Amino acid sequence: MLDWSFIGRYASFFVNGAWMTLFISVFGIALAIVTGVVCAAIQTARIPVLRQLVAVYIEVSRNTPLLVQLYFLYFGLPKLGFVWSAEMCAIIGLGFLGGSYMAESMRAGLQAVPQIQRENAYMLGFNRRQTLVHVVIPQAISVSTPGLVANVIFLIKESSVVSAIALADVMYMAKDLMGITYDTYEALFMLIVTYLIILLPISILGTWLERRFDYARR
C-alpha cells in the first residue's frame, strides 16, 4: 500500500521540480524549433556548404546521447574557458538535440508538397512569397504536425536527464527523496503522476492540432 502521508508531505517538492522541468523544457523546445526552422530552410533551399554543415549537425546531434552532450557543455566547456550555468547548459542541450529532430520533421513536411502545386500556383499568378505562404506552408504544417508534437513530448521526457548536472527537476526530486526516505514506491508514483500531469494535456492538444491542420480530410 502507498503511504499517502508521504505523498501529502512531499507533494510540494514535486511541484517545484515540475516548474524546473517546464522552465528547461519550454526554452529548450523554443530553441529547438528555431534551430529546426533554420536547418530545414537551408536543406530545402539546398544552400551549398551550409547544407553539408546542417547534415553533419543532424547526424552528430541524433547519434549522441543527451547525457553526453550535457556533460560536454557543463564539464567540458569550462576547460575551454566557457562557463555556463546548469540551466543554460540544459536549455542549450535540449535545443541542440531537439533542433535536429525538428529540422527533419519540418524538412519532410516541406518536401512532401508536390512540385506541381508550386508550378500551378505560379501559373495562377502567385509570386514566390504568396506560393510559400498560401500553398506550401499550410500543407507542410499538416504533414509535419504529428512529428513536431511527438518531438515536443520526447524533449520533455528527455529533460529528466538534466538531473545529472544537479538541476532540481522532477527526476532529481524523486531520486533525492528515495535516497533520504527510502520510500521508493511513493516517490516513483509521484514521479509518474507529475509527468502525466505535464504530458497528457500536451498530447491532447497535439491530437487536436493534428485534426485542425489535417487539410487532406477536409
Protein backbone atom coordinates (compact mmCIF):
# COMPACT_ATOMS: atom_id res chain seq x y z
CA MET A 1 0.00 0.00 0.00
CA LEU A 2 1.13 3.51 -0.73
CA ASP A 3 1.97 5.81 2.16
CA TRP A 4 -0.41 8.68 1.40
CA SER A 5 1.06 10.76 4.22
CA PHE A 6 4.38 10.73 2.33
CA ILE A 7 2.62 11.99 -0.80
CA GLY A 8 0.95 14.81 1.08
CA ARG A 9 4.16 15.72 2.91
CA TYR A 10 6.40 15.89 -0.16
CA ALA A 11 3.99 16.95 -2.89
CA SER A 12 5.46 20.47 -2.84
CA PHE A 13 8.88 19.01 -3.76
CA PHE A 14 7.44 17.61 -6.97
CA VAL A 15 5.62 20.85 -7.72
CA ASN A 16 8.92 22.72 -7.50
CA GLY A 17 10.59 20.07 -9.63
CA ALA A 18 7.79 20.32 -12.19
CA TRP A 19 8.34 24.07 -12.53
CA MET A 20 12.04 23.49 -13.18
CA THR A 21 11.20 20.80 -15.75
CA LEU A 22 8.77 23.13 -17.50
CA PHE A 23 11.24 26.04 -17.43
CA ILE A 24 14.01 23.99 -19.01
CA SER A 25 11.64 22.32 -21.49
CA VAL A 26 9.89 25.48 -22.71
CA PHE A 27 13.10 27.34 -23.50
CA GLY A 28 14.83 24.23 -24.81
CA ILE A 29 11.93 23.43 -27.15
CA ALA A 30 11.75 27.06 -28.32
CA LEU A 31 15.45 26.91 -29.18
CA ALA A 32 14.92 23.55 -30.91
CA ILE A 33 12.09 24.97 -33.05
CA VAL A 34 14.15 27.99 -34.13
CA THR A 35 17.10 25.72 -34.93
CA GLY A 36 14.82 23.35 -36.81
CA VAL A 37 13.30 26.13 -38.93
CA VAL A 38 16.73 27.45 -39.93
CA CYS A 39 18.13 23.99 -40.71
CA ALA A 40 15.03 22.90 -42.65
CA ALA A 41 15.14 26.10 -44.71
CA ILE A 42 18.82 25.54 -45.53
CA GLN A 43 18.17 21.91 -46.52
CA THR A 44 15.14 22.74 -48.64
CA ALA A 45 16.90 25.65 -50.38
CA ARG A 46 19.94 23.38 -50.97
CA ILE A 47 22.42 26.09 -49.98
CA PRO A 48 25.96 24.83 -50.70
CA VAL A 49 28.31 24.25 -47.75
CA LEU A 50 25.62 25.21 -45.23
CA ARG A 51 23.58 22.22 -46.32
CA GLN A 52 26.53 19.90 -45.64
CA LEU A 53 27.14 21.53 -42.26
CA VAL A 54 23.49 21.05 -41.31
CA ALA A 55 23.70 17.38 -42.34
CA VAL A 56 26.74 16.90 -40.09
CA TYR A 57 25.00 18.68 -37.20
CA ILE A 58 21.90 16.48 -37.54
CA GLU A 59 23.93 13.27 -37.56
CA VAL A 60 26.05 14.31 -34.57
CA SER A 61 23.04 15.52 -32.60
CA ARG A 62 20.84 12.49 -33.21
CA ASN A 63 23.57 9.90 -32.72
CA THR A 64 24.96 11.10 -29.40
CA PRO A 65 23.06 10.79 -26.09
CA LEU A 66 21.74 13.94 -24.45
CA LEU A 67 23.64 12.98 -21.29
CA VAL A 68 26.96 13.09 -23.18
CA GLN A 69 26.04 16.45 -24.69
CA LEU A 70 25.18 17.85 -21.25
CA TYR A 71 28.45 16.58 -19.77
CA PHE A 72 30.35 18.25 -22.60
CA LEU A 73 28.55 21.56 -22.04
CA TYR A 74 28.71 21.51 -18.24
CA PHE A 75 32.07 19.85 -17.58
CA GLY A 76 33.93 20.10 -20.88
CA LEU A 77 33.42 23.70 -21.97
CA PRO A 78 34.83 25.21 -18.74
CA LYS A 79 38.17 23.66 -19.77
CA LEU A 80 37.96 25.87 -22.87
CA GLY A 81 37.04 28.96 -20.87
CA PHE A 82 33.25 28.82 -21.35
CA VAL A 83 31.43 28.58 -18.03
CA TRP A 84 27.64 28.37 -18.21
CA SER A 85 25.05 27.78 -15.53
CA ALA A 86 23.38 24.37 -15.26
CA GLU A 87 20.12 25.89 -16.51
CA MET A 88 21.82 27.34 -19.60
CA CYS A 89 23.56 24.03 -20.34
CA ALA A 90 20.27 22.16 -20.04
CA ILE A 91 18.45 24.56 -22.37
CA ILE A 92 21.22 24.51 -24.97
CA GLY A 93 21.49 20.73 -24.70
CA LEU A 94 17.77 20.24 -25.30
CA GLY A 95 17.85 22.79 -28.12
CA PHE A 96 20.85 21.12 -29.73
CA LEU A 97 19.27 17.66 -29.56
CA GLY A 98 15.74 18.77 -30.44
CA GLY A 99 16.82 21.03 -33.30
CA SER A 100 17.89 18.07 -35.41
CA TYR A 101 14.59 16.23 -34.87
CA MET A 102 12.57 19.38 -35.55
CA ALA A 103 14.59 20.06 -38.70
CA GLU A 104 13.91 16.59 -40.10
CA SER A 105 10.16 16.85 -39.35
CA MET A 106 9.95 20.28 -40.98
CA ARG A 107 12.05 19.23 -43.96
CA ALA A 108 9.81 16.21 -44.51
CA GLY A 109 6.75 18.46 -44.41
CA LEU A 110 8.18 20.92 -46.93
CA GLN A 111 9.35 18.22 -49.31
CA ALA A 112 6.01 16.41 -49.12
CA VAL A 113 4.34 19.21 -51.08
CA PRO A 114 4.38 18.16 -54.78
CA GLN A 115 6.35 20.43 -57.11
CA ILE A 116 3.36 20.59 -59.45
CA GLN A 117 1.42 22.53 -56.83
CA ARG A 118 4.09 25.21 -56.79
CA GLU A 119 4.02 25.34 -60.59
CA ASN A 120 0.23 25.63 -60.60
CA ALA A 121 0.42 28.49 -58.12
CA TYR A 122 2.89 30.34 -60.37
CA MET A 123 0.57 29.79 -63.34
CA LEU A 124 -2.29 31.35 -61.35
CA GLY A 125 -0.21 34.48 -60.83
CA PHE A 126 1.13 33.80 -57.33
CA ASN A 127 4.60 35.12 -56.65
CA ARG A 128 7.17 33.12 -54.69
CA ARG A 129 6.17 34.53 -51.29
CA GLN A 130 2.44 34.01 -51.90
CA THR A 131 3.09 30.43 -53.04
CA LEU A 132 5.11 29.73 -49.92
CA VAL A 133 2.57 31.29 -47.54
CA HIS A 134 -0.69 30.10 -49.13
CA VAL A 135 0.27 26.79 -50.77
CA VAL A 136 3.44 25.25 -49.37
CA ILE A 137 3.44 26.11 -45.65
CA PRO A 138 -0.19 25.10 -44.88
CA GLN A 139 0.37 21.65 -46.39
CA ALA A 140 3.81 21.33 -44.79
CA ILE A 141 2.30 22.08 -41.38
CA SER A 142 -0.32 19.40 -41.94
CA VAL A 143 2.34 16.80 -42.70
CA SER A 144 4.84 17.79 -40.01
CA THR A 145 2.47 18.46 -37.08
CA PRO A 146 2.41 14.84 -35.78
CA GLY A 147 6.20 14.70 -35.84
CA LEU A 148 6.59 18.09 -34.17
CA VAL A 149 4.18 17.16 -31.37
CA ALA A 150 5.98 13.86 -30.85
CA ASN A 151 9.29 15.74 -30.68
CA VAL A 152 7.92 18.14 -28.04
CA ILE A 153 6.82 15.22 -25.86
CA PHE A 154 10.13 13.45 -26.48
CA LEU A 155 12.14 16.50 -25.38
CA ILE A 156 10.11 16.98 -22.20
CA LYS A 157 10.77 13.36 -21.29
CA GLU A 158 14.44 13.74 -22.20
CA SER A 159 14.67 16.68 -19.78
CA SER A 160 14.77 14.10 -16.98
CA VAL A 161 18.47 13.68 -17.81
CA VAL A 162 19.31 17.21 -16.61
CA SER A 163 19.30 15.95 -13.03
CA ALA A 164 22.78 14.60 -13.86
CA ILE A 165 24.13 18.18 -13.78
CA ALA A 166 22.47 18.95 -10.43
CA LEU A 167 19.32 20.64 -11.72
CA ALA A 168 16.42 20.13 -9.31
CA ASP A 169 13.86 18.89 -11.82
CA VAL A 170 11.20 16.24 -11.17
CA MET A 171 13.62 13.34 -11.61
CA TYR A 172 16.14 14.94 -9.26
CA MET A 173 13.47 15.37 -6.58
CA ALA A 174 12.35 11.75 -6.90
CA LYS A 175 15.90 10.37 -6.66
CA ASP A 176 16.69 12.70 -3.76
CA LEU A 177 13.64 11.61 -1.77
CA MET A 178 14.29 7.94 -2.49
CA GLY A 179 17.81 8.35 -1.14
CA ILE A 180 16.64 10.15 2.01
CA THR A 181 13.41 8.38 2.95
CA TYR A 182 13.74 5.00 1.12
CA ASP A 183 10.06 5.33 0.17
CA THR A 184 10.73 4.17 -3.38
CA TYR A 185 7.20 3.29 -4.45
CA GLU A 186 5.71 6.58 -3.26
CA ALA A 187 8.44 8.64 -4.92
CA LEU A 188 8.08 6.76 -8.20
CA PHE A 189 4.30 7.10 -8.04
CA MET A 190 4.60 10.87 -7.61
CA LEU A 191 7.15 10.99 -10.42
CA ILE A 192 4.79 9.20 -12.81
CA VAL A 193 1.81 11.35 -11.79
CA THR A 194 3.82 14.55 -12.28
CA TYR A 195 4.92 13.60 -15.78
CA LEU A 196 1.37 12.57 -16.70
CA ILE A 197 0.06 15.94 -15.49
CA ILE A 198 2.63 17.69 -17.69
CA LEU A 199 2.42 15.49 -20.77
CA LEU A 200 -1.24 14.45 -21.08
CA PRO A 201 -2.52 17.99 -21.85
CA ILE A 202 0.24 18.37 -24.46
CA SER A 203 -0.71 15.04 -26.01
CA ILE A 204 -4.39 16.02 -26.13
CA LEU A 205 -3.52 19.41 -27.60
CA GLY A 206 -1.31 17.70 -30.16
CA THR A 207 -4.15 15.41 -31.24
CA TRP A 208 -6.41 18.44 -31.68
CA LEU A 209 -3.75 20.26 -33.71
CA GLU A 210 -3.29 17.23 -35.96
CA ARG A 211 -7.01 17.24 -36.74
CA ARG A 212 -7.07 21.02 -37.07
CA PHE A 213 -4.30 21.06 -39.66
CA ASP A 214 -5.28 17.87 -41.46
CA TYR A 215 -6.35 19.60 -44.65
CA ALA A 216 -6.43 16.34 -46.61
CA ARG A 217 -9.56 15.20 -44.75
CA ARG A 218 -11.49 18.40 -45.31
